[in-house]
N, C-alpha and C. Protein backbone atom coordinates (compact mmCIF):
# COMPACT_ATOMS: atom_id res chain seq x y z
N MET A 1 102.81 89.25 81.14
CA MET A 1 102.85 90.54 81.79
C MET A 1 101.53 90.84 82.48
N GLY A 2 100.44 90.39 81.90
CA GLY A 2 99.14 90.62 82.50
C GLY A 2 99.02 89.97 83.86
N LEU A 3 99.68 88.81 84.02
CA LEU A 3 99.65 88.11 85.30
C LEU A 3 100.33 88.94 86.39
N TYR A 4 101.43 89.60 86.06
CA TYR A 4 102.13 90.43 87.04
C TYR A 4 101.27 91.63 87.46
N VAL A 5 100.57 92.21 86.52
CA VAL A 5 99.70 93.34 86.83
C VAL A 5 98.56 92.89 87.74
N ILE A 6 97.98 91.74 87.42
CA ILE A 6 96.89 91.21 88.25
C ILE A 6 97.39 90.87 89.65
N LEU A 7 98.55 90.24 89.75
CA LEU A 7 99.10 89.90 91.07
C LEU A 7 99.45 91.16 91.86
N GLY A 8 100.02 92.14 91.22
CA GLY A 8 100.34 93.38 91.90
C GLY A 8 99.08 94.08 92.41
N ALA A 9 98.05 94.14 91.57
CA ALA A 9 96.79 94.75 91.99
C ALA A 9 96.15 93.97 93.13
N ALA A 10 96.24 92.64 93.08
CA ALA A 10 95.68 91.82 94.15
C ALA A 10 96.38 92.07 95.47
N VAL A 11 97.70 92.20 95.45
CA VAL A 11 98.45 92.47 96.68
C VAL A 11 98.04 93.82 97.26
N ILE A 12 97.90 94.82 96.41
CA ILE A 12 97.51 96.15 96.89
C ILE A 12 96.09 96.12 97.46
N VAL A 13 95.17 95.45 96.80
CA VAL A 13 93.79 95.37 97.28
C VAL A 13 93.73 94.64 98.62
N VAL A 14 94.46 93.53 98.75
CA VAL A 14 94.48 92.79 100.01
C VAL A 14 95.04 93.65 101.13
N ALA A 15 96.10 94.38 100.86
CA ALA A 15 96.68 95.26 101.88
C ALA A 15 95.72 96.36 102.28
N LEU A 16 95.01 96.94 101.33
CA LEU A 16 94.04 97.98 101.66
C LEU A 16 92.88 97.43 102.47
N VAL A 17 92.38 96.26 102.10
CA VAL A 17 91.29 95.64 102.86
C VAL A 17 91.75 95.34 104.28
N PHE A 18 92.95 94.81 104.43
CA PHE A 18 93.49 94.54 105.75
C PHE A 18 93.59 95.83 106.56
N SER A 19 94.05 96.89 105.94
CA SER A 19 94.19 98.18 106.62
C SER A 19 92.84 98.68 107.11
N ILE A 20 91.84 98.62 106.25
CA ILE A 20 90.52 99.12 106.62
C ILE A 20 89.92 98.28 107.75
N VAL A 21 90.03 96.96 107.65
CA VAL A 21 89.49 96.09 108.70
C VAL A 21 90.20 96.33 110.02
N ALA A 22 91.51 96.43 109.99
CA ALA A 22 92.26 96.64 111.23
C ALA A 22 91.94 98.00 111.85
N LEU A 23 91.82 99.03 111.04
CA LEU A 23 91.51 100.35 111.59
C LEU A 23 90.10 100.40 112.16
N ARG A 24 89.16 99.76 111.49
CA ARG A 24 87.79 99.74 112.01
C ARG A 24 87.72 98.94 113.30
N TRP A 25 88.44 97.84 113.37
CA TRP A 25 88.46 97.02 114.59
C TRP A 25 89.08 97.80 115.73
N LYS A 26 90.16 98.51 115.45
CA LYS A 26 90.86 99.25 116.50
C LYS A 26 90.06 100.46 116.95
N SER A 27 89.28 101.07 116.07
CA SER A 27 88.54 102.28 116.44
C SER A 27 87.13 101.97 116.93
N ASP A 28 86.74 100.71 117.02
CA ASP A 28 85.42 100.33 117.51
C ASP A 28 85.29 100.74 118.98
N PRO A 29 84.29 101.56 119.34
CA PRO A 29 84.18 102.01 120.72
C PRO A 29 83.90 100.89 121.72
N ASN A 30 83.33 99.80 121.26
CA ASN A 30 83.03 98.68 122.14
C ASN A 30 84.00 97.51 121.95
N GLY A 31 84.96 97.68 121.07
CA GLY A 31 85.87 96.58 120.75
C GLY A 31 87.02 96.47 121.73
N PRO A 32 87.91 95.52 121.46
CA PRO A 32 89.03 95.28 122.37
C PRO A 32 89.98 96.46 122.49
N GLY A 33 90.02 97.33 121.50
CA GLY A 33 90.93 98.47 121.56
C GLY A 33 90.31 99.70 122.19
N ALA A 34 89.11 99.57 122.74
CA ALA A 34 88.41 100.73 123.28
C ALA A 34 89.10 101.32 124.50
N ALA A 35 89.76 100.52 125.29
CA ALA A 35 90.38 101.01 126.52
C ALA A 35 91.58 101.90 126.24
N ASN A 36 92.26 101.68 125.13
CA ASN A 36 93.47 102.44 124.87
C ASN A 36 93.44 103.01 123.45
N LYS A 37 92.84 104.18 123.30
CA LYS A 37 92.72 104.80 121.98
C LYS A 37 94.04 105.39 121.49
N THR A 38 95.03 105.53 122.38
CA THR A 38 96.29 106.12 121.95
C THR A 38 97.06 105.19 121.03
N LYS A 39 96.71 103.92 120.99
CA LYS A 39 97.41 102.99 120.11
C LYS A 39 96.94 103.07 118.67
N LEU A 40 95.86 103.82 118.43
CA LEU A 40 95.33 103.92 117.07
C LEU A 40 96.32 104.62 116.15
N ARG A 41 96.97 105.67 116.61
CA ARG A 41 97.91 106.40 115.76
C ARG A 41 99.10 105.54 115.33
N PRO A 42 99.77 104.83 116.28
CA PRO A 42 100.87 103.97 115.83
C PRO A 42 100.39 102.86 114.89
N LEU A 43 99.18 102.34 115.12
CA LEU A 43 98.66 101.31 114.23
C LEU A 43 98.45 101.87 112.83
N THR A 44 97.94 103.08 112.75
CA THR A 44 97.74 103.71 111.45
C THR A 44 99.07 103.90 110.73
N ALA A 45 100.08 104.34 111.47
CA ALA A 45 101.40 104.54 110.87
C ALA A 45 101.99 103.21 110.40
N GLN A 46 101.81 102.17 111.18
CA GLN A 46 102.32 100.85 110.78
C GLN A 46 101.61 100.34 109.54
N LEU A 47 100.29 100.50 109.49
CA LEU A 47 99.55 100.04 108.32
C LEU A 47 99.92 100.84 107.08
N ARG A 48 100.14 102.15 107.27
CA ARG A 48 100.57 102.97 106.14
C ARG A 48 101.93 102.51 105.62
N THR A 49 102.82 102.17 106.54
CA THR A 49 104.15 101.69 106.16
C THR A 49 104.05 100.37 105.41
N VAL A 50 103.26 99.44 105.94
CA VAL A 50 103.14 98.12 105.32
C VAL A 50 102.49 98.22 103.95
N THR A 51 101.40 98.98 103.83
CA THR A 51 100.75 99.08 102.53
C THR A 51 101.62 99.82 101.52
N GLY A 52 102.37 100.82 101.98
CA GLY A 52 103.29 101.51 101.07
C GLY A 52 104.38 100.58 100.58
N LEU A 53 104.92 99.78 101.49
CA LEU A 53 105.96 98.83 101.10
C LEU A 53 105.41 97.77 100.16
N LEU A 54 104.19 97.30 100.41
CA LEU A 54 103.58 96.33 99.50
C LEU A 54 103.34 96.93 98.12
N ALA A 55 102.95 98.19 98.08
CA ALA A 55 102.75 98.85 96.79
C ALA A 55 104.06 98.98 96.03
N VAL A 56 105.14 99.31 96.75
CA VAL A 56 106.45 99.41 96.11
C VAL A 56 106.90 98.04 95.60
N LEU A 57 106.72 97.01 96.43
CA LEU A 57 107.10 95.66 96.00
C LEU A 57 106.28 95.19 94.80
N ALA A 58 104.99 95.51 94.80
CA ALA A 58 104.15 95.14 93.66
C ALA A 58 104.59 95.87 92.40
N GLY A 59 104.91 97.15 92.53
CA GLY A 59 105.39 97.91 91.37
C GLY A 59 106.72 97.39 90.86
N ASP A 60 107.63 97.10 91.80
CA ASP A 60 108.93 96.55 91.40
C ASP A 60 108.77 95.19 90.73
N SER A 61 107.87 94.38 91.25
CA SER A 61 107.63 93.05 90.64
C SER A 61 107.05 93.19 89.23
N ALA A 62 106.14 94.13 89.07
CA ALA A 62 105.55 94.35 87.74
C ALA A 62 106.62 94.83 86.75
N ILE A 63 107.50 95.71 87.19
CA ILE A 63 108.57 96.19 86.31
C ILE A 63 109.52 95.04 85.97
N ALA A 64 109.88 94.25 86.97
CA ALA A 64 110.77 93.11 86.72
C ALA A 64 110.12 92.10 85.79
N GLY A 65 108.84 91.84 85.98
CA GLY A 65 108.13 90.93 85.08
C GLY A 65 108.07 91.43 83.65
N ALA A 66 107.82 92.73 83.51
CA ALA A 66 107.80 93.32 82.17
C ALA A 66 109.18 93.27 81.53
N ALA A 67 110.23 93.46 82.33
CA ALA A 67 111.59 93.39 81.79
C ALA A 67 111.92 91.98 81.34
N ILE A 68 111.55 91.00 82.13
CA ILE A 68 111.80 89.60 81.74
C ILE A 68 111.04 89.27 80.47
N TRP A 69 109.79 89.71 80.39
CA TRP A 69 109.00 89.45 79.20
C TRP A 69 109.62 90.15 77.99
N GLY A 70 110.09 91.39 78.18
CA GLY A 70 110.69 92.14 77.08
C GLY A 70 111.97 91.52 76.59
N VAL A 71 112.80 91.03 77.51
CA VAL A 71 114.05 90.37 77.10
C VAL A 71 113.74 89.09 76.35
N ASP A 72 112.72 88.37 76.80
CA ASP A 72 112.33 87.14 76.12
C ASP A 72 111.83 87.43 74.71
N LYS A 73 111.06 88.49 74.56
CA LYS A 73 110.52 88.84 73.24
C LYS A 73 111.56 89.50 72.34
N ALA A 74 112.68 89.96 72.91
CA ALA A 74 113.73 90.61 72.10
C ALA A 74 114.41 89.62 71.18
N GLY A 75 114.28 88.36 71.45
CA GLY A 75 114.80 87.34 70.55
C GLY A 75 116.31 87.14 70.63
N GLY A 76 116.90 87.42 71.75
CA GLY A 76 118.33 87.15 71.91
C GLY A 76 119.24 88.27 71.45
N ASP A 77 118.68 89.38 71.04
CA ASP A 77 119.51 90.52 70.63
C ASP A 77 120.07 91.20 71.89
N PRO A 78 121.40 91.17 72.08
CA PRO A 78 121.97 91.71 73.32
C PRO A 78 121.75 93.21 73.50
N GLN A 79 121.68 93.95 72.41
CA GLN A 79 121.47 95.40 72.53
C GLN A 79 120.11 95.70 73.18
N TRP A 80 119.09 95.01 72.71
CA TRP A 80 117.76 95.21 73.27
C TRP A 80 117.69 94.72 74.72
N ALA A 81 118.33 93.61 75.00
CA ALA A 81 118.31 93.07 76.36
C ALA A 81 118.98 94.05 77.33
N VAL A 82 120.11 94.59 76.95
CA VAL A 82 120.81 95.55 77.81
C VAL A 82 119.96 96.80 78.02
N ALA A 83 119.35 97.30 76.97
CA ALA A 83 118.52 98.51 77.09
C ALA A 83 117.32 98.26 78.00
N ILE A 84 116.66 97.13 77.83
CA ILE A 84 115.48 96.81 78.64
C ILE A 84 115.86 96.62 80.10
N LEU A 85 116.91 95.85 80.35
CA LEU A 85 117.32 95.59 81.73
C LEU A 85 117.84 96.85 82.43
N THR A 86 118.53 97.70 81.69
CA THR A 86 119.02 98.95 82.28
C THR A 86 117.86 99.85 82.68
N SER A 87 116.90 100.00 81.81
CA SER A 87 115.75 100.86 82.15
C SER A 87 114.92 100.26 83.28
N ALA A 88 114.78 98.94 83.32
CA ALA A 88 114.03 98.30 84.40
C ALA A 88 114.76 98.50 85.74
N PHE A 89 116.07 98.31 85.73
CA PHE A 89 116.85 98.50 86.95
C PHE A 89 116.75 99.94 87.44
N THR A 90 116.84 100.89 86.53
CA THR A 90 116.74 102.31 86.89
C THR A 90 115.37 102.61 87.50
N SER A 91 114.32 102.08 86.92
CA SER A 91 112.97 102.32 87.44
C SER A 91 112.79 101.72 88.82
N ILE A 92 113.26 100.50 89.02
CA ILE A 92 113.11 99.83 90.32
C ILE A 92 113.89 100.59 91.39
N VAL A 93 115.10 101.00 91.07
CA VAL A 93 115.92 101.74 92.05
C VAL A 93 115.26 103.08 92.37
N ALA A 94 114.74 103.76 91.38
CA ALA A 94 114.12 105.07 91.62
C ALA A 94 112.89 104.94 92.51
N ILE A 95 112.04 103.97 92.22
CA ILE A 95 110.82 103.79 93.01
C ILE A 95 111.16 103.41 94.45
N THR A 96 112.06 102.47 94.62
CA THR A 96 112.42 102.01 95.96
C THR A 96 113.12 103.11 96.76
N THR A 97 114.03 103.83 96.14
CA THR A 97 114.73 104.91 96.82
C THR A 97 113.77 106.02 97.21
N ALA A 98 112.84 106.35 96.35
CA ALA A 98 111.85 107.39 96.67
C ALA A 98 111.01 106.96 97.87
N TYR A 99 110.59 105.71 97.91
CA TYR A 99 109.79 105.23 99.04
C TYR A 99 110.56 105.36 100.35
N PHE A 100 111.78 104.84 100.37
CA PHE A 100 112.54 104.88 101.62
C PHE A 100 112.94 106.31 102.00
N GLY A 101 113.18 107.17 101.03
CA GLY A 101 113.47 108.56 101.33
C GLY A 101 112.27 109.27 101.94
N ILE A 102 111.11 109.05 101.38
CA ILE A 102 109.90 109.65 101.91
C ILE A 102 109.62 109.13 103.31
N ARG A 103 109.81 107.84 103.53
CA ARG A 103 109.59 107.26 104.87
C ARG A 103 110.56 107.86 105.89
N ALA A 104 111.80 108.02 105.50
CA ALA A 104 112.79 108.58 106.43
C ALA A 104 112.43 110.00 106.82
N VAL A 105 112.08 110.83 105.85
CA VAL A 105 111.72 112.21 106.14
C VAL A 105 110.44 112.27 106.98
N SER A 106 109.49 111.41 106.67
CA SER A 106 108.24 111.36 107.44
C SER A 106 108.50 110.96 108.89
N ASN A 107 109.37 109.97 109.10
CA ASN A 107 109.70 109.55 110.46
C ASN A 107 110.39 110.65 111.24
N ILE A 108 111.30 111.36 110.59
CA ILE A 108 112.01 112.45 111.26
C ILE A 108 111.03 113.57 111.62
N ALA A 109 110.15 113.92 110.70
CA ALA A 109 109.17 114.98 110.98
C ALA A 109 108.25 114.58 112.13
N GLU A 110 107.85 113.32 112.17
CA GLU A 110 106.99 112.85 113.25
C GLU A 110 107.72 112.92 114.60
N ARG A 111 108.98 112.53 114.62
CA ARG A 111 109.76 112.60 115.86
C ARG A 111 109.95 114.04 116.33
N VAL A 112 110.23 114.94 115.41
CA VAL A 112 110.41 116.35 115.77
C VAL A 112 109.11 116.90 116.34
N ASN A 113 107.99 116.58 115.72
CA ASN A 113 106.70 117.04 116.20
C ASN A 113 106.39 116.46 117.58
N GLN A 114 106.69 115.20 117.77
CA GLN A 114 106.46 114.55 119.06
C GLN A 114 107.35 115.17 120.14
N ASP A 115 108.61 115.43 119.82
CA ASP A 115 109.52 116.05 120.79
C ASP A 115 109.05 117.46 121.16
N ALA A 116 108.58 118.21 120.17
CA ALA A 116 108.09 119.57 120.45
C ALA A 116 106.85 119.52 121.34
N THR A 117 105.97 118.57 121.09
CA THR A 117 104.77 118.44 121.91
C THR A 117 105.13 118.07 123.34
N GLU A 118 106.07 117.14 123.50
CA GLU A 118 106.50 116.76 124.85
C GLU A 118 107.20 117.92 125.55
N ARG A 119 107.98 118.69 124.85
CA ARG A 119 108.67 119.84 125.44
C ARG A 119 107.67 120.89 125.90
N GLU A 120 106.64 121.15 125.09
CA GLU A 120 105.63 122.12 125.47
C GLU A 120 104.84 121.65 126.69
N ALA A 121 104.64 120.34 126.79
CA ALA A 121 103.91 119.81 127.94
C ALA A 121 104.73 119.96 129.23
N ARG A 122 106.03 119.83 129.13
CA ARG A 122 106.91 119.95 130.30
C ARG A 122 107.15 121.40 130.70
N GLU A 123 107.30 122.26 129.73
CA GLU A 123 107.63 123.66 129.99
C GLU A 123 106.45 124.54 129.62
N PRO A 124 105.71 124.99 130.59
CA PRO A 124 104.55 125.84 130.27
C PRO A 124 105.00 127.19 129.69
N ARG A 125 104.19 127.73 128.84
CA ARG A 125 104.51 129.02 128.22
C ARG A 125 104.29 130.15 129.22
N PRO A 126 105.15 131.15 129.17
CA PRO A 126 104.95 132.29 130.08
C PRO A 126 103.71 133.10 129.65
N ALA A 127 103.07 133.66 130.65
CA ALA A 127 101.88 134.46 130.37
C ALA A 127 102.29 135.77 129.68
N PRO A 128 101.54 136.22 128.71
CA PRO A 128 101.89 137.47 128.01
C PRO A 128 101.62 138.70 128.83
């Protein structure tokens, strides 16, 4: 089980390091991304999505690893195996569903905000 925790933490650390390096590279005023700063926001959103998904996958892997270890240590008792696997499945489904639900709501909110900004740019407000 310790190996799964270490691997999960390593995946999260690598994703965070990648995110920081990519954001610093993209925001460098003299770097290749200096000509088009508008791409920084989509890059940030993509990195947030990737690191969130990696965190979910690492958590799911850790839960699955702990469940496999628990079933192995249960010694062949089917009652314990069913209880462990049921709780592991419930945890994995809950974590994954929460991630995708939050991403869906976040994407919708971003689109609504973007549409409102574009609408305001096209239609000037009347003077009071």
